[in-house]
Amino acid sequence: MDELIEKGIRRLEWARAHMGVLGDIRSRLVKERTLEGVKVGMALHVEAKTGILALTIAEAGADVRLASCNPLSTDDSVAMALKHHYGLDTYAKKGESNDEYYANLNAVLDMRPDFVIDDGADLITILHTTRRDLLPNVKGGNEETTTGVVRLRSMAAEGKLEFPVISVNDAHMKFMFDNRYGTGQSTFDGFMNATNLLIAGKRLVVAGYGWCGRGIAMRAKGLGANVIVTEVDPIRAIEARMDGYEVMPMIEAAKLADIIICATGNKDIIRREHLEVLKDGCVMGNSGHFDNEISKPGLEAMAGKGVRVRESVDQYTFKDGRKAYLIAEGRLMNLAAGQGHPVEIMDMSFAIQALSLEHLVKNYASLAPKVHNVPEELDQQVARTKLKVMGIEIDELTEEQRKYLCGWQEGT
């Protein structure tokens, strides 16, 4: 166990050393003690970057508990180091059963948090269903992902959301970098670690052309793949075509695909009718939050239980002899089979998380129980701090230019 803890410490301190934006914010929060005495319950992917966010919040004076938001995304070395070296209450291990997963989420809620930080909205959903007795104490929350924000907006539309939640996912300094460059790179970290297969020359299908899909397609093209995009949104489909990718329905793409990667946030993207025409040897993976984008019930109905052929790859053999491969049980491959987003990307996302938590602590009483956007000034603060960390200076508008942009008469 000592070796595992030492490994976790090294990973955490490596991440800390490369998270200059969050470090800048941490210095101020620790000095001002803004979060003194606040109870914060967190459900995020328990790995090194998340650990630094949790430690930042704790170092600023908060009482913190952390659980995983996915049964396969925990880095056990980090979880052990957080718990036994840094003294942070951590409830997570890689490969949790369904019962263990929900027990850990409930252990976080047992602290009766004032605020929650969620990834996928499972923690917030539990608060609104089986742990409603805790709701009067919860003053607000943050949500990290597209998937979670969709769930929360649905709750709010039905009048079911009972405290304000900040959509960290919709901050420019999150989705333009985390969703695109983070998912783009980490998806292939997971793919290569799981399969050790070549990308170049393969037909690679990206399901969904949102910010995550854009990032995956961009990186796949750079690695030499022939990229096909499937979409349901006509505008995004046109954008994908004009970005140089083939666009077609999944029923056609499945016949051609050597690799399929889903990134939609929806369910049953690969289902029975696609599996019936799937190209022999196709490797399927998912970078969406939940493990329902590729229909595992459909796979098992047609091919029986999968056979583990590599640490993170299961083989399914259809009755006609065709084989299909599923990465990380259909869970998000960039964390279940890889190390997640690059440190410098999560530095920006978690800086938004820390500032949004501070904003909630200071302003929760005036915020309605709905999904709120990250205040623009926080987005700008993170962007300017990131530029400083990167050693980049930019221009500023002159006073005359400001007046010109605010005027309505023609100028010369």
Protein backbone atom coordinates (compact mmCIF):
# COMPACT_ATOMS: atom_id res chain seq x y z
CA MET A 1 0.00 0.00 0.00
CA ASP A 2 2.88 2.38 0.77
CA GLU A 3 4.12 2.13 -2.83
CA LEU A 4 0.64 2.91 -4.15
CA ILE A 5 0.39 5.96 -1.88
CA GLU A 6 3.82 7.19 -2.98
CA LYS A 7 2.77 6.80 -6.61
CA GLY A 8 -0.36 8.85 -5.90
CA ILE A 9 1.63 11.59 -4.16
CA ARG A 10 3.94 11.87 -7.16
CA ARG A 11 0.98 12.11 -9.54
CA LEU A 12 -0.74 14.73 -7.41
CA GLU A 13 2.34 16.88 -7.01
CA TRP A 14 3.12 16.61 -10.74
CA ALA A 15 -0.39 17.88 -11.45
CA ARG A 16 -0.04 20.68 -8.88
CA ALA A 17 3.21 21.82 -10.49
CA HIS A 18 1.48 22.20 -13.87
CA MET A 19 -1.75 23.83 -12.70
CA GLY A 20 -0.65 27.45 -12.52
CA VAL A 21 -4.11 28.99 -12.98
CA LEU A 22 -5.65 27.05 -10.09
CA GLY A 23 -2.49 27.74 -8.09
CA ASP A 24 -2.96 31.48 -8.54
CA ILE A 25 -6.57 31.20 -7.35
CA ARG A 26 -5.56 28.92 -4.48
CA SER A 27 -3.11 31.53 -3.15
CA ARG A 28 -5.87 34.12 -2.88
CA LEU A 29 -8.50 31.73 -1.47
CA VAL A 30 -6.10 30.49 1.21
CA LYS A 31 -5.14 34.06 2.14
CA GLU A 32 -8.74 35.31 2.29
CA ARG A 33 -10.19 32.10 3.86
CA THR A 34 -13.33 32.60 1.77
CA LEU A 35 -14.40 28.98 2.21
CA GLU A 36 -13.71 28.74 5.95
CA GLY A 37 -16.06 26.23 7.60
CA VAL A 38 -18.03 25.46 4.43
CA LYS A 39 -18.95 21.80 3.86
CA VAL A 40 -18.39 20.70 0.24
CA GLY A 41 -19.46 17.32 -1.15
CA MET A 42 -17.80 16.35 -4.43
CA ALA A 43 -18.49 13.63 -7.01
CA LEU A 44 -15.87 13.84 -9.74
CA HIS A 45 -13.45 11.49 -11.49
CA VAL A 46 -10.96 10.74 -8.71
CA GLU A 47 -7.59 11.27 -10.35
CA ALA A 48 -4.69 13.68 -9.92
CA LYS A 49 -6.19 16.89 -11.31
CA THR A 50 -9.42 16.40 -9.36
CA GLY A 51 -7.33 15.74 -6.27
CA ILE A 52 -5.65 19.13 -6.59
CA LEU A 53 -9.05 20.83 -6.89
CA ALA A 54 -10.28 19.04 -3.76
CA LEU A 55 -7.10 19.91 -1.86
CA THR A 56 -7.36 23.54 -3.01
CA ILE A 57 -10.87 23.79 -1.59
CA ALA A 58 -9.77 22.13 1.64
CA GLU A 59 -6.69 24.36 1.94
CA ALA A 60 -9.00 27.37 1.62
CA GLY A 61 -10.77 26.26 4.80
CA ALA A 62 -13.58 23.99 3.62
CA ASP A 63 -14.52 20.58 4.96
CA VAL A 64 -14.39 18.32 1.87
CA ARG A 65 -15.56 14.83 1.01
CA LEU A 66 -14.86 13.29 -2.40
CA ALA A 67 -16.36 10.31 -4.26
CA SER A 68 -16.05 9.13 -7.82
CA CYS A 69 -18.68 9.97 -10.43
CA ASN A 70 -17.92 6.81 -12.42
CA PRO A 71 -17.16 3.24 -11.26
CA LEU A 72 -14.14 2.84 -13.58
CA SER A 73 -12.53 6.29 -13.57
CA THR A 74 -10.72 6.27 -10.22
CA ASP A 75 -6.93 6.27 -10.03
CA ASP A 76 -6.45 4.09 -6.94
CA SER A 77 -3.02 5.53 -6.21
CA VAL A 78 -4.47 9.05 -6.07
CA ALA A 79 -7.47 7.98 -3.99
CA MET A 80 -5.17 6.27 -1.47
CA ALA A 81 -2.79 9.25 -1.32
CA LEU A 82 -5.62 11.73 -0.81
CA LYS A 83 -7.02 9.65 2.04
CA HIS A 84 -3.91 8.46 3.84
CA HIS A 85 -1.32 11.17 3.11
CA TYR A 86 -3.32 14.36 2.69
CA GLY A 87 -6.12 13.45 5.09
CA LEU A 88 -8.95 14.15 2.64
CA ASP A 89 -12.10 12.08 3.13
CA THR A 90 -12.14 10.06 -0.11
CA TYR A 91 -14.60 7.33 -1.06
CA ALA A 92 -13.53 5.76 -4.35
CA LYS A 93 -11.84 2.80 -5.96
CA LYS A 94 -11.50 1.62 -9.53
CA GLY A 95 -14.03 -1.05 -10.47
CA GLU A 96 -16.73 -0.22 -7.93
CA SER A 97 -19.85 -2.33 -8.02
CA ASN A 98 -23.14 -0.52 -8.50
CA ASP A 99 -23.87 -0.84 -4.79
CA GLU A 100 -20.41 0.45 -3.84
CA TYR A 101 -20.75 3.38 -6.23
CA TYR A 102 -23.98 4.60 -4.65
CA ALA A 103 -22.75 3.83 -1.13
CA ASN A 104 -19.78 6.13 -1.76
CA LEU A 105 -22.00 8.92 -3.09
CA ASN A 106 -24.17 8.58 0.00
CA ALA A 107 -21.08 8.65 2.24
CA VAL A 108 -20.27 12.05 0.77
CA LEU A 109 -23.81 13.25 1.44
CA ASP A 110 -23.66 11.97 5.02
CA MET A 111 -21.58 15.06 5.85
CA ARG A 112 -24.70 17.19 5.17
CA PRO A 113 -22.95 19.42 2.61
CA ASP A 114 -23.62 23.12 2.19
CA PHE A 115 -22.53 22.93 -1.44
CA VAL A 116 -21.96 20.12 -3.96
CA ILE A 117 -19.68 19.81 -6.96
CA ASP A 118 -21.00 17.19 -9.37
CA ASP A 119 -20.03 15.50 -12.63
CA GLY A 120 -22.99 13.90 -14.37
CA ALA A 121 -25.55 15.05 -11.76
CA ASP A 122 -25.82 11.74 -9.86
CA LEU A 123 -25.07 13.44 -6.54
CA ILE A 124 -27.68 16.14 -7.16
CA THR A 125 -30.22 13.54 -8.34
CA ILE A 126 -29.78 11.55 -5.12
CA LEU A 127 -30.36 14.72 -3.11
CA HIS A 128 -33.64 15.26 -4.95
CA THR A 129 -34.82 11.64 -4.58
CA THR A 130 -33.60 9.35 -1.80
CA ARG A 131 -31.84 11.97 0.37
CA ARG A 132 -34.39 14.77 0.31
CA ASP A 133 -33.97 15.24 4.05
CA LEU A 134 -30.64 16.94 3.27
CA LEU A 135 -32.05 19.48 0.80
CA PRO A 136 -32.78 22.25 3.32
CA ASN A 137 -29.07 22.43 4.13
CA VAL A 138 -27.81 22.55 0.50
CA LYS A 139 -27.30 26.11 -0.69
CA GLY A 140 -26.01 25.45 -4.22
CA GLY A 141 -23.91 23.35 -6.54
CA ASN A 142 -21.67 23.18 -9.61
CA GLU A 143 -22.11 20.78 -12.55
CA GLU A 144 -19.10 19.86 -14.70
CA THR A 145 -20.51 18.06 -17.75
CA THR A 146 -22.82 18.43 -20.73
CA THR A 147 -24.66 15.28 -19.66
CA GLY A 148 -25.25 16.59 -16.16
CA VAL A 149 -26.39 20.01 -17.34
CA VAL A 150 -28.97 18.39 -19.64
CA ARG A 151 -30.38 16.46 -16.68
CA LEU A 152 -30.45 19.53 -14.45
CA ARG A 153 -32.10 21.77 -17.03
CA SER A 154 -34.81 19.11 -17.37
CA MET A 155 -35.28 19.12 -13.61
CA ALA A 156 -35.46 22.92 -13.56
CA ALA A 157 -37.98 22.98 -16.42
CA GLU A 158 -40.24 20.69 -14.38
CA GLY A 159 -39.81 22.83 -11.28
CA LYS A 160 -37.96 20.02 -9.50
CA LEU A 161 -34.55 21.63 -8.95
CA GLU A 162 -34.49 23.00 -5.40
CA PHE A 163 -31.22 24.94 -5.24
CA PRO A 164 -29.12 27.00 -7.67
CA VAL A 165 -26.57 25.15 -9.79
CA ILE A 166 -23.83 26.77 -11.83
CA SER A 167 -23.20 25.16 -15.21
CA VAL A 168 -19.42 25.05 -15.19
CA ASN A 169 -19.67 23.11 -18.46
CA ASP A 170 -21.02 26.14 -20.32
CA ALA A 171 -18.16 28.46 -19.41
CA HIS A 172 -16.06 29.32 -22.45
CA MET A 173 -12.88 28.47 -20.58
CA LYS A 174 -14.33 25.01 -19.97
CA PHE A 175 -16.10 23.73 -23.07
CA MET A 176 -13.86 25.36 -25.70
CA PHE A 177 -10.78 23.69 -24.22
CA ASP A 178 -11.81 20.84 -21.90
CA ASN A 179 -14.48 19.42 -24.21
CA ARG A 180 -12.52 19.93 -27.41
CA TYR A 181 -8.77 19.71 -26.72
CA GLY A 182 -9.10 17.69 -23.50
CA THR A 183 -11.49 15.06 -24.84
CA GLY A 184 -9.71 15.03 -28.19
CA GLN A 185 -6.33 14.11 -26.71
CA SER A 186 -7.45 11.96 -23.80
CA THR A 187 -9.77 9.81 -25.93
CA PHE A 188 -6.78 8.61 -27.92
CA ASP A 189 -4.70 8.22 -24.78
CA GLY A 190 -7.40 5.77 -23.64
CA PHE A 191 -7.72 4.11 -27.05
CA MET A 192 -4.00 3.53 -27.50
CA ASN A 193 -3.49 2.36 -23.93
CA ALA A 194 -6.39 -0.09 -24.28
CA THR A 195 -5.65 -1.46 -27.74
CA ASN A 196 -2.10 -0.59 -28.88
CA LEU A 197 -3.60 -0.32 -32.39
CA LEU A 198 -2.77 2.06 -35.21
CA ILE A 199 -5.06 4.98 -36.07
CA ALA A 200 -3.53 5.97 -39.40
CA GLY A 201 -5.29 4.60 -42.45
CA LYS A 202 -8.36 3.44 -40.50
CA ARG A 203 -11.94 4.55 -41.08
CA LEU A 204 -12.85 6.15 -37.78
CA VAL A 205 -16.45 7.13 -37.05
CA VAL A 206 -17.18 9.93 -34.58
CA ALA A 207 -20.77 9.89 -33.34
CA GLY A 208 -21.75 13.44 -32.47
CA TYR A 209 -20.15 16.69 -33.60
CA GLY A 210 -20.52 18.81 -30.48
CA TRP A 211 -17.41 20.22 -28.86
CA CYS A 212 -16.22 16.80 -27.73
CA GLY A 213 -16.87 15.26 -31.14
CA ARG A 214 -15.05 18.12 -32.84
CA GLY A 215 -12.01 17.50 -30.69
CA ILE A 216 -12.01 13.75 -31.33
CA ALA A 217 -12.43 14.22 -35.08
CA MET A 218 -9.65 16.81 -35.19
CA ARG A 219 -7.19 14.57 -33.34
CA ALA A 220 -8.21 11.50 -35.38
CA LYS A 221 -7.55 13.39 -38.61
CA GLY A 222 -4.17 14.49 -37.29
CA LEU A 223 -3.31 10.85 -36.54
CA GLY A 224 -4.07 9.88 -40.14
CA ALA A 225 -7.56 8.45 -39.86
CA ASN A 226 -10.23 8.77 -42.53
CA VAL A 227 -12.91 10.39 -40.40
CA ILE A 228 -16.67 9.87 -40.77
CA VAL A 229 -19.10 11.89 -38.65
CA THR A 230 -22.66 10.89 -37.76
CA GLU A 231 -25.11 13.55 -36.53
CA VAL A 232 -28.77 14.30 -35.95
CA ASP A 233 -28.33 18.08 -35.97
CA PRO A 234 -28.38 19.44 -39.56
CA ILE A 235 -26.24 22.48 -38.74
CA ARG A 236 -23.53 20.41 -37.08
CA ALA A 237 -23.67 17.93 -39.96
CA ILE A 238 -22.98 20.73 -42.45
CA GLU A 239 -20.18 22.04 -40.24
CA ALA A 240 -18.58 18.58 -40.11
CA ARG A 241 -18.74 18.27 -43.90
CA MET A 242 -17.21 21.71 -44.39
CA ASP A 243 -14.48 20.79 -41.90
CA GLY A 244 -13.52 18.05 -44.35
CA TYR A 245 -15.18 14.95 -42.93
CA GLU A 246 -17.56 12.47 -44.52
CA VAL A 247 -21.07 12.64 -43.03
CA MET A 248 -23.57 9.78 -43.17
CA PRO A 249 -26.10 7.90 -41.02
CA MET A 250 -24.74 5.41 -38.50
CA ILE A 251 -26.39 2.51 -40.36
CA GLU A 252 -24.07 3.24 -43.29
CA ALA A 253 -21.04 4.21 -41.23
CA ALA A 254 -21.17 0.96 -39.22
CA LYS A 255 -20.58 -1.03 -42.41
CA LEU A 256 -17.32 0.85 -43.05
CA ALA A 257 -15.95 1.57 -39.58
CA ASP A 258 -12.71 0.16 -38.26
CA ILE A 259 -13.22 2.26 -35.13
CA ILE A 260 -16.32 3.95 -33.70
CA ILE A 261 -16.13 6.52 -30.91
CA CYS A 262 -19.34 7.95 -29.39
CA ALA A 263 -19.49 11.41 -27.85
CA THR A 264 -23.15 12.43 -27.86
CA GLY A 265 -24.39 12.36 -24.27
CA ASN A 266 -27.39 10.34 -25.50
CA LYS A 267 -28.25 6.64 -25.30
CA ASP A 268 -28.34 3.79 -27.85
CA ILE A 269 -26.15 5.46 -30.45
CA ILE A 270 -24.94 1.98 -31.46
CA ARG A 271 -27.88 -0.40 -31.20
CA ARG A 272 -29.04 -3.70 -32.68
CA GLU A 273 -29.62 -2.56 -36.27
CA HIS A 274 -26.10 -1.12 -36.37
CA LEU A 275 -24.55 -4.20 -34.78
CA GLU A 276 -26.22 -6.37 -37.43
CA VAL A 277 -24.20 -4.65 -40.18
CA LEU A 278 -21.08 -3.84 -38.15
CA LYS A 279 -17.81 -4.42 -39.96
CA ASP A 280 -15.89 -7.45 -38.73
CA GLY A 281 -13.20 -6.43 -36.24
CA CYS A 282 -14.65 -3.01 -35.44
CA VAL A 283 -13.37 -1.46 -32.20
CA MET A 284 -15.98 0.58 -30.32
CA GLY A 285 -15.44 3.08 -27.55
CA ASN A 286 -17.29 5.85 -25.76
CA SER A 287 -16.18 9.24 -24.48
CA GLY A 288 -19.63 10.27 -23.23
CA HIS A 289 -20.33 10.29 -19.52
CA PHE A 290 -22.57 7.23 -19.18
CA ASP A 291 -22.07 3.67 -20.47
CA ASN A 292 -25.28 3.57 -22.53
CA GLU A 293 -24.18 5.11 -25.84
CA ILE A 294 -23.16 1.67 -27.10
CA SER A 295 -25.97 -0.78 -26.30
CA LYS A 296 -24.43 -3.51 -24.16
CA PRO A 297 -27.79 -5.30 -23.86
CA GLY A 298 -27.91 -5.38 -27.67
CA LEU A 299 -24.37 -6.71 -27.88
CA GLU A 300 -25.03 -9.44 -25.33
CA ALA A 301 -28.32 -10.43 -26.93
CA MET A 302 -26.58 -10.95 -30.26
CA ALA A 303 -23.15 -12.18 -29.16
CA GLY A 304 -23.38 -13.31 -25.55
CA LYS A 305 -21.09 -12.12 -22.81
CA GLY A 306 -17.88 -10.44 -23.87
CA VAL A 307 -14.52 -12.14 -23.39
CA ARG A 308 -11.72 -10.03 -21.88
CA VAL A 309 -8.88 -10.09 -24.43
CA ARG A 310 -6.88 -7.15 -23.08
CA GLU A 311 -7.02 -5.33 -19.76
CA SER A 312 -9.61 -2.83 -21.06
CA VAL A 313 -10.99 -4.62 -24.13
CA ASP A 314 -13.82 -7.17 -24.39
CA GLN A 315 -14.38 -9.26 -27.53
CA TYR A 316 -17.88 -10.12 -28.75
CA THR A 317 -18.36 -12.84 -31.38
CA PHE A 318 -21.56 -12.84 -33.43
CA LYS A 319 -23.23 -16.00 -34.72
CA ASP A 320 -21.97 -15.33 -38.25
CA GLY A 321 -18.37 -15.22 -36.99
CA ARG A 322 -17.92 -11.45 -37.01
CA LYS A 323 -16.05 -10.00 -34.04
CA ALA A 324 -16.51 -6.64 -32.33
CA TYR A 325 -14.41 -5.12 -29.57
CA LEU A 326 -15.63 -2.86 -26.77
CA ILE A 327 -13.26 -0.62 -24.82
CA ALA A 328 -13.67 -0.19 -21.05
CA GLU A 329 -17.11 -1.81 -20.93
CA GLY A 330 -18.51 1.12 -22.87
CA ARG A 331 -17.63 3.58 -20.12
CA LEU A 332 -15.76 6.79 -20.84
CA MET A 333 -12.58 5.45 -22.35
CA ASN A 334 -10.43 8.51 -21.75
CA LEU A 335 -10.52 7.86 -17.99
CA ALA A 336 -11.47 4.19 -17.68
CA ALA A 337 -8.60 3.20 -20.00
CA GLY A 338 -6.47 6.36 -19.86
CA GLN A 339 -5.42 9.16 -17.51
CA GLY A 340 -8.10 11.67 -18.44
CA HIS A 341 -7.65 15.15 -19.82
CA PRO A 342 -4.21 16.78 -19.87
CA VAL A 343 -3.22 18.61 -16.69
CA GLU A 344 -3.09 22.07 -18.29
CA ILE A 345 -6.63 21.65 -19.67
CA MET A 346 -8.12 20.67 -16.32
CA ASP A 347 -6.24 23.54 -14.74
CA MET A 348 -8.62 25.90 -16.55
CA SER A 349 -11.75 23.84 -15.90
CA PHE A 350 -11.02 23.43 -12.21
CA ALA A 351 -10.14 27.12 -11.89
CA ILE A 352 -13.70 27.77 -13.10
CA GLN A 353 -14.94 25.23 -10.53
CA ALA A 354 -13.13 26.94 -7.64
CA LEU A 355 -14.28 30.44 -8.64
CA SER A 356 -17.86 29.25 -9.18
CA LEU A 357 -17.90 27.69 -5.71
CA GLU A 358 -16.66 30.96 -4.24
CA HIS A 359 -19.37 32.82 -6.17
CA LEU A 360 -22.02 30.48 -4.75
CA VAL A 361 -20.74 30.89 -1.20
CA LYS A 362 -20.98 34.66 -1.51
CA ASN A 363 -24.21 34.92 -3.53
CA TYR A 364 -26.36 31.81 -3.02
CA ALA A 365 -29.07 33.71 -1.15
CA SER A 366 -29.83 35.86 -4.20
CA LEU A 367 -29.76 33.02 -6.77
CA ALA A 368 -32.96 31.31 -7.91
CA PRO A 369 -33.18 27.47 -7.85
CA LYS A 370 -32.29 26.94 -11.50
CA VAL A 371 -29.23 26.36 -13.71
CA HIS A 372 -27.07 29.48 -13.92
CA ASN A 373 -24.26 30.33 -16.31
CA VAL A 374 -20.80 31.08 -14.97
CA PRO A 375 -20.52 34.87 -14.59
CA GLU A 376 -18.65 36.36 -17.54
CA GLU A 377 -16.11 38.05 -15.28
CA LEU A 378 -15.02 34.68 -13.90
CA ASP A 379 -14.52 33.33 -17.43
CA GLN A 380 -12.42 36.40 -18.26
CA GLN A 381 -10.43 36.10 -15.04
CA VAL A 382 -9.46 32.51 -15.83
CA ALA A 383 -8.56 33.43 -19.43
CA ARG A 384 -6.32 36.30 -18.36
CA THR A 385 -4.65 34.20 -15.67
CA LYS A 386 -4.02 31.44 -18.21
CA LEU A 387 -2.39 33.94 -20.57
CA LYS A 388 -0.16 35.11 -17.71
CA VAL A 389 0.83 31.52 -16.92
CA MET A 390 1.62 30.96 -20.62
CA GLY A 391 3.70 34.16 -20.78
CA ILE A 392 1.46 35.72 -23.41
CA GLU A 393 0.50 39.40 -23.62
CA ILE A 394 -2.35 40.74 -25.76
CA ASP A 395 -3.56 44.14 -26.93
CA GLU A 396 -6.17 46.30 -25.22
CA LEU A 397 -8.76 48.53 -26.85
CA THR A 398 -8.04 52.24 -26.87
CA GLU A 399 -10.66 54.54 -25.39
CA GLU A 400 -11.53 55.70 -28.91
CA GLN A 401 -12.05 52.08 -30.01
CA ARG A 402 -14.33 51.42 -27.02
CA LYS A 403 -16.47 54.42 -27.93
CA TYR A 404 -16.59 53.32 -31.56
CA LEU A 405 -17.86 49.84 -30.64
CA CYS A 406 -20.54 51.33 -28.41
CA GLY A 407 -21.75 53.88 -30.97
CA TRP A 408 -24.48 53.49 -33.53
CA GLN A 409 -23.71 56.16 -36.10
CA GLU A 410 -21.47 55.38 -39.05
CA GLY A 411 -17.86 56.20 -38.43
CA THR A 412 -14.89 56.82 -40.60
